[in-house]
Amino acid sequence: RAGFEPVLAADGLTALQAWRERRPDVVILDVMLPLMSG
C-alpha cells in the first residue's frame, strides 16, 4: 500500500535464496526461523 514491492520468505533457506536472487533494498528478518536462524 505504501508503494514498495514485498517479497516473502518463511524459513531461513528460502530467505537466503530470495536475498541472493532479488537483492532487496531492505530486509525485515525474524531471528527464530525454521531450517536456518535469521
Full PDB file with SEQRES, HELIX, SHEET, SSBOND, CRYST1, ORIGX, SCALE, CONECT and MASTER records, all heavy atoms in Angstrom:
SEQRES   1 A   38  ARG ALA GLY PHE GLU PRO VAL LEU ALA ALA ASP GLY LEU          
SEQRES   2 A   38  THR ALA LEU GLN ALA TRP ARG GLU ARG ARG PRO ASP VAL          
SEQRES   3 A   38  VAL ILE LEU ASP VAL MET LEU PRO LEU MET SER GLY              
HELIX    1 AA1 GLY A   12  ARG A   22  1                                  11    
CRYST1    1.000    1.000    1.000  90.00  90.00  90.00 P 1           1          
ORIGX1      1.000000  0.000000  0.000000        0.00000                         
ORIGX2      0.000000  1.000000  0.000000        0.00000                         
ORIGX3      0.000000  0.000000  1.000000        0.00000                         
SCALE1      1.000000  0.000000  0.000000        0.00000                         
SCALE2      0.000000  1.000000  0.000000        0.00000                         
SCALE3      0.000000  0.000000  1.000000        0.00000                         
ATOM      1  N   ARG A   1       0.831  -1.205   0.000  1.00  0.00           N  
ATOM      2  CA  ARG A   1       0.000   0.000   0.000  1.00  0.00           C  
ATOM      3  C   ARG A   1       0.870   1.261   0.000  1.00  0.00           C  
ATOM      4  O   ARG A   1       0.496   2.282  -0.582  1.00  0.00           O  
ATOM      5  CB  ARG A   1      -0.932  -0.002   1.205  1.00  0.00           C  
ATOM      6  CG  ARG A   1      -1.867   1.210   1.289  1.00  0.00           C  
ATOM      7  CD  ARG A   1      -2.772   1.329   0.078  1.00  0.00           C  
ATOM      8  NE  ARG A   1      -3.605   0.180  -0.086  1.00  0.00           N  
ATOM      9  CZ  ARG A   1      -4.780   0.020   0.504  1.00  0.00           C  
ATOM     10  NH1 ARG A   1      -5.244   0.939   1.299  1.00  0.00           N  
ATOM     11  NH2 ARG A   1      -5.494  -1.062   0.276  1.00  0.00           N  
ATOM     12  N   ALA A   2       2.029   1.190   0.628  1.00  0.00           N  
ATOM     13  CA  ALA A   2       2.942   2.342   0.678  1.00  0.00           C  
ATOM     14  C   ALA A   2       3.764   2.487  -0.601  1.00  0.00           C  
ATOM     15  O   ALA A   2       4.522   3.443  -0.742  1.00  0.00           O  
ATOM     16  CB  ALA A   2       3.874   2.225   1.881  1.00  0.00           C  
ATOM     17  N   GLY A   3       3.621   1.546  -1.533  1.00  0.00           N  
ATOM     18  CA  GLY A   3       4.301   1.673  -2.814  1.00  0.00           C  
ATOM     19  C   GLY A   3       5.550   0.844  -2.978  1.00  0.00           C  
ATOM     20  O   GLY A   3       6.275   0.990  -3.963  1.00  0.00           O  
ATOM     21  N   PHE A   4       5.824  -0.069  -2.028  1.00  0.00           N  
ATOM     22  CA  PHE A   4       7.006  -0.906  -2.107  1.00  0.00           C  
ATOM     23  C   PHE A   4       6.657  -2.281  -2.675  1.00  0.00           C  
ATOM     24  O   PHE A   4       5.491  -2.654  -2.754  1.00  0.00           O  
ATOM     25  CB  PHE A   4       7.650  -1.060  -0.730  1.00  0.00           C  
ATOM     26  CG  PHE A   4       8.004   0.250  -0.092  1.00  0.00           C  
ATOM     27  CD1 PHE A   4       7.490   0.609   1.148  1.00  0.00           C  
ATOM     28  CD2 PHE A   4       8.849   1.138  -0.739  1.00  0.00           C  
ATOM     29  CE1 PHE A   4       7.813   1.821   1.729  1.00  0.00           C  
ATOM     30  CE2 PHE A   4       9.177   2.353  -0.161  1.00  0.00           C  
ATOM     31  CZ  PHE A   4       8.661   2.701   1.071  1.00  0.00           C  
ATOM     32  N   GLU A   5       7.679  -3.036  -3.045  1.00  0.00           N  
ATOM     33  CA  GLU A   5       7.481  -4.389  -3.558  1.00  0.00           C  
ATOM     34  C   GLU A   5       7.905  -5.395  -2.497  1.00  0.00           C  
ATOM     35  O   GLU A   5       9.104  -5.608  -2.286  1.00  0.00           O  
ATOM     36  CB  GLU A   5       8.297  -4.611  -4.833  1.00  0.00           C  
ATOM     37  CG  GLU A   5       8.120  -6.010  -5.410  1.00  0.00           C  
ATOM     38  CD  GLU A   5       8.991  -6.263  -6.620  1.00  0.00           C  
ATOM     39  OE1 GLU A   5       9.692  -5.326  -7.053  1.00  0.00           O  
ATOM     40  OE2 GLU A   5       8.985  -7.401  -7.120  1.00  0.00           O  
ATOM     41  N   PRO A   6       6.960  -6.030  -1.813  1.00  0.00           N  
ATOM     42  CA  PRO A   6       7.332  -7.010  -0.790  1.00  0.00           C  
ATOM     43  C   PRO A   6       7.636  -8.376  -1.389  1.00  0.00           C  
ATOM     44  O   PRO A   6       7.012  -8.807  -2.356  1.00  0.00           O  
ATOM     45  CB  PRO A   6       6.082  -7.077   0.098  1.00  0.00           C  
ATOM     46  CG  PRO A   6       4.956  -6.725  -0.822  1.00  0.00           C  
ATOM     47  CD  PRO A   6       5.508  -5.786  -1.853  1.00  0.00           C  
ATOM     48  N   VAL A   7       8.627  -9.048  -0.810  1.00  0.00           N  
ATOM     49  CA  VAL A   7       8.959 -10.424  -1.146  1.00  0.00           C  
ATOM     50  C   VAL A   7       8.942 -11.208   0.157  1.00  0.00           C  
ATOM     51  O   VAL A   7       9.533 -10.764   1.152  1.00  0.00           O  
ATOM     52  CB  VAL A   7      10.350 -10.532  -1.807  1.00  0.00           C  
ATOM     53  CG1 VAL A   7      10.716 -11.985  -2.052  1.00  0.00           C  
ATOM     54  CG2 VAL A   7      10.383  -9.739  -3.104  1.00  0.00           C  
ATOM     55  N   LEU A   8       8.276 -12.360   0.188  1.00  0.00           N  
ATOM     56  CA  LEU A   8       8.088 -13.097   1.430  1.00  0.00           C  
ATOM     57  C   LEU A   8       8.913 -14.374   1.455  1.00  0.00           C  
ATOM     58  O   LEU A   8       9.067 -15.053   0.443  1.00  0.00           O  
ATOM     59  CB  LEU A   8       6.609 -13.445   1.626  1.00  0.00           C  
ATOM     60  CG  LEU A   8       5.609 -12.283   1.577  1.00  0.00           C  
ATOM     61  CD1 LEU A   8       4.196 -12.783   1.858  1.00  0.00           C  
ATOM     62  CD2 LEU A   8       5.999 -11.186   2.549  1.00  0.00           C  
ATOM     63  N   ALA A   9       9.439 -14.685   2.642  1.00  0.00           N  
ATOM     64  CA  ALA A   9      10.132 -15.946   2.873  1.00  0.00           C  
ATOM     65  C   ALA A   9       9.782 -16.433   4.267  1.00  0.00           C  
ATOM     66  O   ALA A   9       9.775 -15.644   5.216  1.00  0.00           O  
ATOM     67  CB  ALA A   9      11.641 -15.769   2.725  1.00  0.00           C  
ATOM     68  N   ALA A  10       9.507 -17.750   4.396  1.00  0.00           N  
ATOM     69  CA  ALA A  10       9.019 -18.283   5.668  1.00  0.00           C  
ATOM     70  C   ALA A  10      10.049 -19.130   6.410  1.00  0.00           C  
ATOM     71  O   ALA A  10       9.772 -19.608   7.503  1.00  0.00           O  
ATOM     72  CB  ALA A  10       7.752 -19.107   5.431  1.00  0.00           C  
ATOM     73  N   ASP A  11      11.224 -19.331   5.822  1.00  0.00           N  
ATOM     74  CA  ASP A  11      12.268 -20.078   6.514  1.00  0.00           C  
ATOM     75  C   ASP A  11      13.627 -19.540   6.105  1.00  0.00           C  
ATOM     76  O   ASP A  11      13.750 -18.780   5.139  1.00  0.00           O  
ATOM     77  CB  ASP A  11      12.159 -21.575   6.231  1.00  0.00           C  
ATOM     78  CG  ASP A  11      12.367 -21.904   4.765  1.00  0.00           C  
ATOM     79  OD1 ASP A  11      13.510 -21.810   4.287  1.00  0.00           O  
ATOM     80  OD2 ASP A  11      11.380 -22.252   4.086  1.00  0.00           O  
ATOM     81  N   GLY A  12      14.662 -19.945   6.820  1.00  0.00           N  
ATOM     82  CA  GLY A  12      15.975 -19.385   6.601  1.00  0.00           C  
ATOM     83  C   GLY A  12      16.574 -19.697   5.240  1.00  0.00           C  
ATOM     84  O   GLY A  12      17.184 -18.836   4.601  1.00  0.00           O  
ATOM     85  N   LEU A  13      16.410 -20.920   4.761  1.00  0.00           N  
ATOM     86  CA  LEU A  13      16.992 -21.295   3.473  1.00  0.00           C  
ATOM     87  C   LEU A  13      16.316 -20.557   2.318  1.00  0.00           C  
ATOM     88  O   LEU A  13      16.983 -20.077   1.387  1.00  0.00           O  
ATOM     89  CB  LEU A  13      16.876 -22.812   3.266  1.00  0.00           C  
ATOM     90  CG  LEU A  13      17.734 -23.677   4.189  1.00  0.00           C  
ATOM     91  CD1 LEU A  13      17.513 -25.158   3.895  1.00  0.00           C  
ATOM     92  CD2 LEU A  13      19.210 -23.319   4.046  1.00  0.00           C  
ATOM     93  N   THR A  14      14.984 -20.456   2.370  1.00  0.00           N  
ATOM     94  CA  THR A  14      14.264 -19.700   1.344  1.00  0.00           C  
ATOM     95  C   THR A  14      14.666 -18.229   1.386  1.00  0.00           C  
ATOM     96  O   THR A  14      14.829 -17.587   0.345  1.00  0.00           O  
ATOM     97  CB  THR A  14      12.749 -19.836   1.547  1.00  0.00           C  
ATOM     98  OG1 THR A  14      12.384 -21.218   1.533  1.00  0.00           O  
ATOM     99  CG2 THR A  14      11.982 -19.100   0.453  1.00  0.00           C  
ATOM    100  N   ALA A  15      14.839 -17.728   2.600  1.00  0.00           N  
ATOM    101  CA  ALA A  15      15.245 -16.323   2.749  1.00  0.00           C  
ATOM    102  C   ALA A  15      16.607 -16.083   2.131  1.00  0.00           C  
ATOM    103  O   ALA A  15      16.827 -15.077   1.437  1.00  0.00           O  
ATOM    104  CB  ALA A  15      15.260 -15.948   4.228  1.00  0.00           C  
ATOM    105  N   LEU A  16      17.541 -16.988   2.374  1.00  0.00           N  
ATOM    106  CA  LEU A  16      18.893 -16.836   1.838  1.00  0.00           C  
ATOM    107  C   LEU A  16      18.871 -16.818   0.309  1.00  0.00           C  
ATOM    108  O   LEU A  16      19.523 -15.980  -0.334  1.00  0.00           O  
ATOM    109  CB  LEU A  16      19.773 -17.971   2.342  1.00  0.00           C  
ATOM    110  CG  LEU A  16      21.274 -17.855   2.088  1.00  0.00           C  
ATOM    111  CD1 LEU A  16      21.854 -16.618   2.740  1.00  0.00           C  
ATOM    112  CD2 LEU A  16      21.982 -19.102   2.597  1.00  0.00           C  
ATOM    113  N   GLN A  17      18.076 -17.714  -0.272  1.00  0.00           N  
ATOM    114  CA  GLN A  17      17.980 -17.780  -1.729  1.00  0.00           C  
ATOM    115  C   GLN A  17      17.314 -16.520  -2.286  1.00  0.00           C  
ATOM    116  O   GLN A  17      17.786 -15.937  -3.274  1.00  0.00           O  
ATOM    117  CB  GLN A  17      17.196 -19.011  -2.155  1.00  0.00           C  
ATOM    118  CG  GLN A  17      17.064 -19.171  -3.671  1.00  0.00           C  
ATOM    119  CD  GLN A  17      16.317 -20.435  -4.059  1.00  0.00           C  
ATOM    120  OE1 GLN A  17      15.901 -21.211  -3.201  1.00  0.00           O  
ATOM    121  NE2 GLN A  17      16.144 -20.644  -5.351  1.00  0.00           N  
ATOM    122  N   ALA A  18      16.194 -16.097  -1.666  1.00  0.00           N  
ATOM    123  CA  ALA A  18      15.486 -14.902  -2.138  1.00  0.00           C  
ATOM    124  C   ALA A  18      16.359 -13.663  -2.006  1.00  0.00           C  
ATOM    125  O   ALA A  18      16.352 -12.774  -2.870  1.00  0.00           O  
ATOM    126  CB  ALA A  18      14.186 -14.726  -1.356  1.00  0.00           C  
ATOM    127  N   TRP A  19      17.115 -13.590  -0.931  1.00  0.00           N  
ATOM    128  CA  TRP A  19      18.009 -12.450  -0.698  1.00  0.00           C  
ATOM    129  C   TRP A  19      19.065 -12.365  -1.794  1.00  0.00           C  
ATOM    130  O   TRP A  19      19.359 -11.293  -2.331  1.00  0.00           O  
ATOM    131  CB  TRP A  19      18.654 -12.598   0.675  1.00  0.00           C  
ATOM    132  CG  TRP A  19      19.272 -11.359   1.245  1.00  0.00           C  
ATOM    133  CD1 TRP A  19      19.758 -10.291   0.561  1.00  0.00           C  
ATOM    134  CD2 TRP A  19      19.477 -11.070   2.634  1.00  0.00           C  
ATOM    135  NE1 TRP A  19      20.262  -9.347   1.425  1.00  0.00           N  
ATOM    136  CE2 TRP A  19      20.098  -9.813   2.695  1.00  0.00           C  
ATOM    137  CE3 TRP A  19      19.212 -11.767   3.808  1.00  0.00           C  
ATOM    138  CZ2 TRP A  19      20.460  -9.228   3.913  1.00  0.00           C  
ATOM    139  CZ3 TRP A  19      19.563 -11.185   5.013  1.00  0.00           C  
ATOM    140  CH2 TRP A  19      20.167  -9.931   5.073  1.00  0.00           C  
ATOM    141  N   ARG A  20      19.626 -13.513  -2.164  1.00  0.00           N  
ATOM    142  CA  ARG A  20      20.653 -13.531  -3.218  1.00  0.00           C  
ATOM    143  C   ARG A  20      20.069 -13.182  -4.579  1.00  0.00           C  
ATOM    144  O   ARG A  20      20.684 -12.474  -5.372  1.00  0.00           O  
ATOM    145  CB  ARG A  20      21.297 -14.916  -3.264  1.00  0.00           C  
ATOM    146  CG  ARG A  20      22.262 -15.203  -2.128  1.00  0.00           C  
ATOM    147  CD  ARG A  20      22.701 -16.645  -2.138  1.00  0.00           C  
ATOM    148  NE  ARG A  20      23.742 -16.914  -1.123  1.00  0.00           N  
ATOM    149  CZ  ARG A  20      23.986 -18.095  -0.602  1.00  0.00           C  
ATOM    150  NH1 ARG A  20      23.257 -19.141  -0.976  1.00  0.00           N  
ATOM    151  NH2 ARG A  20      24.950 -18.252   0.289  1.00  0.00           N  
ATOM    152  N   GLU A  21      18.864 -13.691  -4.859  1.00  0.00           N  
ATOM    153  CA  GLU A  21      18.291 -13.523  -6.191  1.00  0.00           C  
ATOM    154  C   GLU A  21      17.630 -12.162  -6.382  1.00  0.00           C  
ATOM    155  O   GLU A  21      17.755 -11.550  -7.456  1.00  0.00           O  
ATOM    156  CB  GLU A  21      17.264 -14.631  -6.457  1.00  0.00           C  
ATOM    157  CG  GLU A  21      17.887 -16.018  -6.560  1.00  0.00           C  
ATOM    158  CD  GLU A  21      16.847 -17.097  -6.749  1.00  0.00           C  
ATOM    159  OE1 GLU A  21      15.632 -16.779  -6.686  1.00  0.00           O  
ATOM    160  OE2 GLU A  21      17.237 -18.265  -6.967  1.00  0.00           O  
ATOM    161  N   ARG A  22      16.936 -11.671  -5.364  1.00  0.00           N  
ATOM    162  CA  ARG A  22      16.156 -10.444  -5.521  1.00  0.00           C  
ATOM    163  C   ARG A  22      16.918  -9.184  -5.138  1.00  0.00           C  
ATOM    164  O   ARG A  22      16.503  -8.090  -5.479  1.00  0.00           O  
ATOM    165  CB  ARG A  22      14.864 -10.539  -4.701  1.00  0.00           C  
ATOM    166  CG  ARG A  22      13.945 -11.672  -5.106  1.00  0.00           C  
ATOM    167  CD  ARG A  22      13.494 -11.539  -6.564  1.00  0.00           C  
ATOM    168  NE  ARG A  22      12.743 -10.313  -6.764  1.00  0.00           N  
ATOM    169  CZ  ARG A  22      11.420 -10.218  -6.590  1.00  0.00           C  
ATOM    170  NH1 ARG A  22      10.729 -11.287  -6.232  1.00  0.00           N  
ATOM    171  NH2 ARG A  22      10.805  -9.084  -6.793  1.00  0.00           N  
ATOM    172  N   ARG A  23      18.011  -9.330  -4.409  1.00  0.00           N  
ATOM    173  CA  ARG A  23      18.827  -8.181  -3.996  1.00  0.00           C  
ATOM    174  C   ARG A  23      17.950  -7.074  -3.389  1.00  0.00           C  
ATOM    175  O   ARG A  23      17.879  -5.962  -3.887  1.00  0.00           O  
ATOM    176  CB  ARG A  23      19.610  -7.621  -5.177  1.00  0.00           C  
ATOM    177  CG  ARG A  23      20.404  -8.661  -5.949  1.00  0.00           C  
ATOM    178  CD  ARG A  23      21.567  -9.207  -5.174  1.00  0.00           C  
ATOM    179  NE  ARG A  23      22.589  -8.217  -4.909  1.00  0.00           N  
ATOM    180  CZ  ARG A  23      23.750  -8.476  -4.323  1.00  0.00           C  
ATOM    181  NH1 ARG A  23      24.015  -9.716  -3.926  1.00  0.00           N  
ATOM    182  NH2 ARG A  23      24.626  -7.522  -4.113  1.00  0.00           N  
ATOM    183  N   PRO A  24      17.253  -7.361  -2.293  1.00  0.00           N  
ATOM    184  CA  PRO A  24      16.328  -6.380  -1.697  1.00  0.00           C  
ATOM    185  C   PRO A  24      17.056  -5.156  -1.170  1.00  0.00           C  
ATOM    186  O   PRO A  24      18.247  -5.197  -0.854  1.00  0.00           O  
ATOM    187  CB  PRO A  24      15.680  -7.171  -0.552  1.00  0.00           C  
ATOM    188  CG  PRO A  24      16.704  -8.197  -0.194  1.00  0.00           C  
ATOM    189  CD  PRO A  24      17.347  -8.593  -1.493  1.00  0.00           C  
ATOM    190  N   ASP A  25      16.310  -4.069  -1.075  1.00  0.00           N  
ATOM    191  CA  ASP A  25      16.848  -2.829  -0.511  1.00  0.00           C  
ATOM    192  C   ASP A  25      16.777  -2.850   1.008  1.00  0.00           C  
ATOM    193  O   ASP A  25      17.645  -2.303   1.687  1.00  0.00           O  
ATOM    194  CB  ASP A  25      16.061  -1.636  -1.063  1.00  0.00           C  
ATOM    195  CG  ASP A  25      16.136  -1.568  -2.571  1.00  0.00           C  
ATOM    196  OD1 ASP A  25      17.216  -1.242  -3.091  1.00  0.00           O  
ATOM    197  OD2 ASP A  25      15.119  -1.862  -3.233  1.00  0.00           O  
ATOM    198  N   VAL A  26      15.714  -3.477   1.537  1.00  0.00           N  
ATOM    199  CA  VAL A  26      15.540  -3.619   2.981  1.00  0.00           C  
ATOM    200  C   VAL A  26      15.093  -5.042   3.276  1.00  0.00           C  
ATOM    201  O   VAL A  26      14.318  -5.628   2.515  1.00  0.00           O  
ATOM    202  CB  VAL A  26      14.492  -2.622   3.533  1.00  0.00           C  
ATOM    203  CG1 VAL A  26      14.313  -2.805   5.045  1.00  0.00           C  
ATOM    204  CG2 VAL A  26      14.887  -1.181   3.230  1.00  0.00           C  
ATOM    205  N   VAL A  27      15.587  -5.588   4.380  1.00  0.00           N  
ATOM    206  CA  VAL A  27      15.172  -6.920   4.824  1.00  0.00           C  
ATOM    207  C   VAL A  27      14.621  -6.815   6.242  1.00  0.00           C  
ATOM    208  O   VAL A  27      15.287  -6.267   7.132  1.00  0.00           O  
ATOM    209  CB  VAL A  27      16.345  -7.916   4.813  1.00  0.00           C  
ATOM    210  CG1 VAL A  27      15.887  -9.299   5.283  1.00  0.00           C  
ATOM    211  CG2 VAL A  27      16.972  -8.001   3.423  1.00  0.00           C  
ATOM    212  N   ILE A  28      13.398  -7.296   6.442  1.00  0.00           N  
ATOM    213  CA  ILE A  28      12.823  -7.434   7.788  1.00  0.00           C  
ATOM    214  C   ILE A  28      13.016  -8.894   8.170  1.00  0.00           C  
ATOM    215  O   ILE A  28      12.406  -9.795   7.575  1.00  0.00           O  
ATOM    216  CB  ILE A  28      11.342  -7.042   7.804  1.00  0.00           C  
ATOM    217  CG1 ILE A  28      11.172  -5.587   7.359  1.00  0.00           C  
ATOM    218  CG2 ILE A  28      10.754  -7.241   9.198  1.00  0.00           C  
ATOM    219  CD1 ILE A  28       9.716  -5.141   7.252  1.00  0.00           C  
ATOM    220  N   LEU A  29      13.874  -9.154   9.144  1.00  0.00           N  
ATOM    221  CA  LEU A  29      14.400 -10.502   9.370  1.00  0.00           C  
ATOM    222  C   LEU A  29      14.094 -10.998  10.777  1.00  0.00           C  
ATOM    223  O   LEU A  29      14.642 -10.496  11.759  1.00  0.00           O  
ATOM    224  CB  LEU A  29      15.913 -10.481   9.132  1.00  0.00           C  
ATOM    225  CG  LEU A  29      16.679 -11.785   9.288  1.00  0.00           C  
ATOM    226  CD1 LEU A  29      16.227 -12.807   8.243  1.00  0.00           C  
ATOM    227  CD2 LEU A  29      18.183 -11.527   9.165  1.00  0.00           C  
ATOM    228  N   ASP A  30      13.242 -12.016  10.862  1.00  0.00           N  
ATOM    229  CA  ASP A  30      12.967 -12.646  12.156  1.00  0.00           C  
ATOM    230  C   ASP A  30      14.174 -13.487  12.571  1.00  0.00           C  
ATOM    231  O   ASP A  30      14.841 -14.102  11.733  1.00  0.00           O  
ATOM    232  CB  ASP A  30      11.721 -13.517  12.052  1.00  0.00           C  
ATOM    233  CG  ASP A  30      11.201 -13.942  13.413  1.00  0.00           C  
ATOM    234  OD1 ASP A  30      11.692 -13.406  14.431  1.00  0.00           O  
ATOM    235  OD2 ASP A  30      10.308 -14.798  13.471  1.00  0.00           O  
ATOM    236  N   VAL A  31      14.444 -13.521  13.865  1.00  0.00           N  
ATOM    237  CA  VAL A  31      15.576 -14.303  14.367  1.00  0.00           C  
ATOM    238  C   VAL A  31      15.243 -15.796  14.380  1.00  0.00           C  
ATOM    239  O   VAL A  31      16.031 -16.622  13.923  1.00  0.00           O  
ATOM    240  CB  VAL A  31      15.966 -13.822  15.781  1.00  0.00           C  
ATOM    241  CG1 VAL A  31      16.966 -14.787  16.415  1.00  0.00           C  
ATOM    242  CG2 VAL A  31      16.563 -12.418  15.724  1.00  0.00           C  
ATOM    243  N   MET A  32      14.067 -16.158  14.905  1.00  0.00           N  
ATOM    244  CA  MET A  32      13.682 -17.562  15.051  1.00  0.00           C  
ATOM    245  C   MET A  32      12.976 -18.029  13.778  1.00  0.00           C  
ATOM    246  O   MET A  32      11.846 -17.646  13.507  1.00  0.00           O  
ATOM    247  CB  MET A  32      12.764 -17.725  16.264  1.00  0.00           C  
ATOM    248  CG  MET A  32      13.414 -17.290  17.574  1.00  0.00           C  
ATOM    249  SD  MET A  32      14.901 -18.261  17.966  1.00  0.00           S  
ATOM    250  CE  MET A  32      14.159 -19.884  18.209  1.00  0.00           C  
ATOM    251  N   LEU A  33      13.671 -18.865  12.995  1.00  0.00           N  
ATOM    252  CA  LEU A  33      13.136 -19.354  11.730  1.00  0.00           C  
ATOM    253  C   LEU A  33      13.377 -20.853  11.601  1.00  0.00           C  
ATOM    254  O   LEU A  33      14.343 -21.383  12.152  1.00  0.00           O  
ATOM    255  CB  LEU A  33      13.825 -18.654  10.551  1.00  0.00           C  
ATOM    256  CG  LEU A  33      13.591 -17.160  10.371  1.00  0.00           C  
ATOM    257  CD1 LEU A  33      14.553 -16.623   9.320  1.00  0.00           C  
ATOM    258  CD2 LEU A  33      12.149 -16.889   9.959  1.00  0.00           C  
ATOM    259  N   PRO A  34      12.529 -21.555  10.836  1.00  0.00           N  
ATOM    260  CA  PRO A  34      12.811 -22.960  10.530  1.00  0.00           C  
ATOM    261  C   PRO A  34      14.029 -23.081   9.612  1.00  0.00           C  
ATOM    262  O   PRO A  34      14.341 -22.169   8.844  1.00  0.00           O  
ATOM    263  CB  PRO A  34      11.533 -23.416   9.792  1.00  0.00           C  
ATOM    264  CG  PRO A  34      10.498 -22.389  10.114  1.00  0.00           C  
ATOM    265  CD  PRO A  34      11.235 -21.103  10.318  1.00  0.00           C  
ATOM    266  N   LEU A  35      14.730 -24.198   9.691  1.00  0.00           N  
ATOM    267  CA  LEU A  35      15.817 -24.605   8.798  1.00  0.00           C  
ATOM    268  C   LEU A  35      17.124 -23.844   9.016  1.00  0.00           C  
ATOM    269  O   LEU A  35      18.196 -24.428   8.979  1.00  0.00           O  
ATOM    270  CB  LEU A  35      15.397 -24.486   7.327  1.00  0.00           C  
ATOM    271  CG  LEU A  35      14.137 -25.264   6.926  1.00  0.00           C  
ATOM    272  CD1 LEU A  35      13.864 -25.108   5.435  1.00  0.00           C  
ATOM    273  CD2 LEU A  35      14.265 -26.736   7.285  1.00  0.00           C  
ATOM    274  N   MET A  36      17.047 -22.542   9.210  1.00  0.00           N  
ATOM    275  CA  MET A  36      18.247 -21.749   9.457  1.00  0.00           C  
ATOM    276  C   MET A  36      17.841 -20.479  10.185  1.00  0.00           C  
ATOM    277  O   MET A  36      16.857 -19.834   9.818  1.00  0.00           O  
ATOM    278  CB  MET A  36      18.955 -21.389   8.144  1.00  0.00           C  
ATOM    279  CG  MET A  36      20.232 -20.567   8.315  1.00  0.00           C  
ATOM    280  SD  MET A  36      20.922 -20.020   6.725  1.00  0.00           S  
ATOM    281  CE  MET A  36      21.332 -21.608   5.993  1.00  0.00           C  
ATOM    282  N   SER A  37      18.567 -20.102  11.226  1.00  0.00           N  
ATOM    283  CA  SER A  37      18.186 -18.919  12.001  1.00  0.00           C  
ATOM    284  C   SER A  37      18.378 -17.647  11.186  1.00  0.00           C  
ATOM    285  O   SER A  37      19.201 -17.593  10.258  1.00  0.00           O  
ATOM    286  CB  SER A  37      19.021 -18.832  13.284  1.00  0.00           C  
ATOM    287  OG  SER A  37      20.335 -18.382  12.991  1.00  0.00           O  
ATOM    288  N   GLY A  38      17.624 -16.631  11.550  1.00  0.00           N  
ATOM    289  CA  GLY A  38      17.771 -15.351  10.892  1.00  0.00           C  
ATOM    290  C   GLY A  38      19.161 -14.769  11.046  1.00  0.00           C  
ATOM    291  O   GLY A  38      19.696 -14.138  10.124  1.00  0.00           O  
TER     292      GLY A  38                                                      
MASTER        0    0    0    1    0    0    0    6  291    1    0    3          
END                                                                             
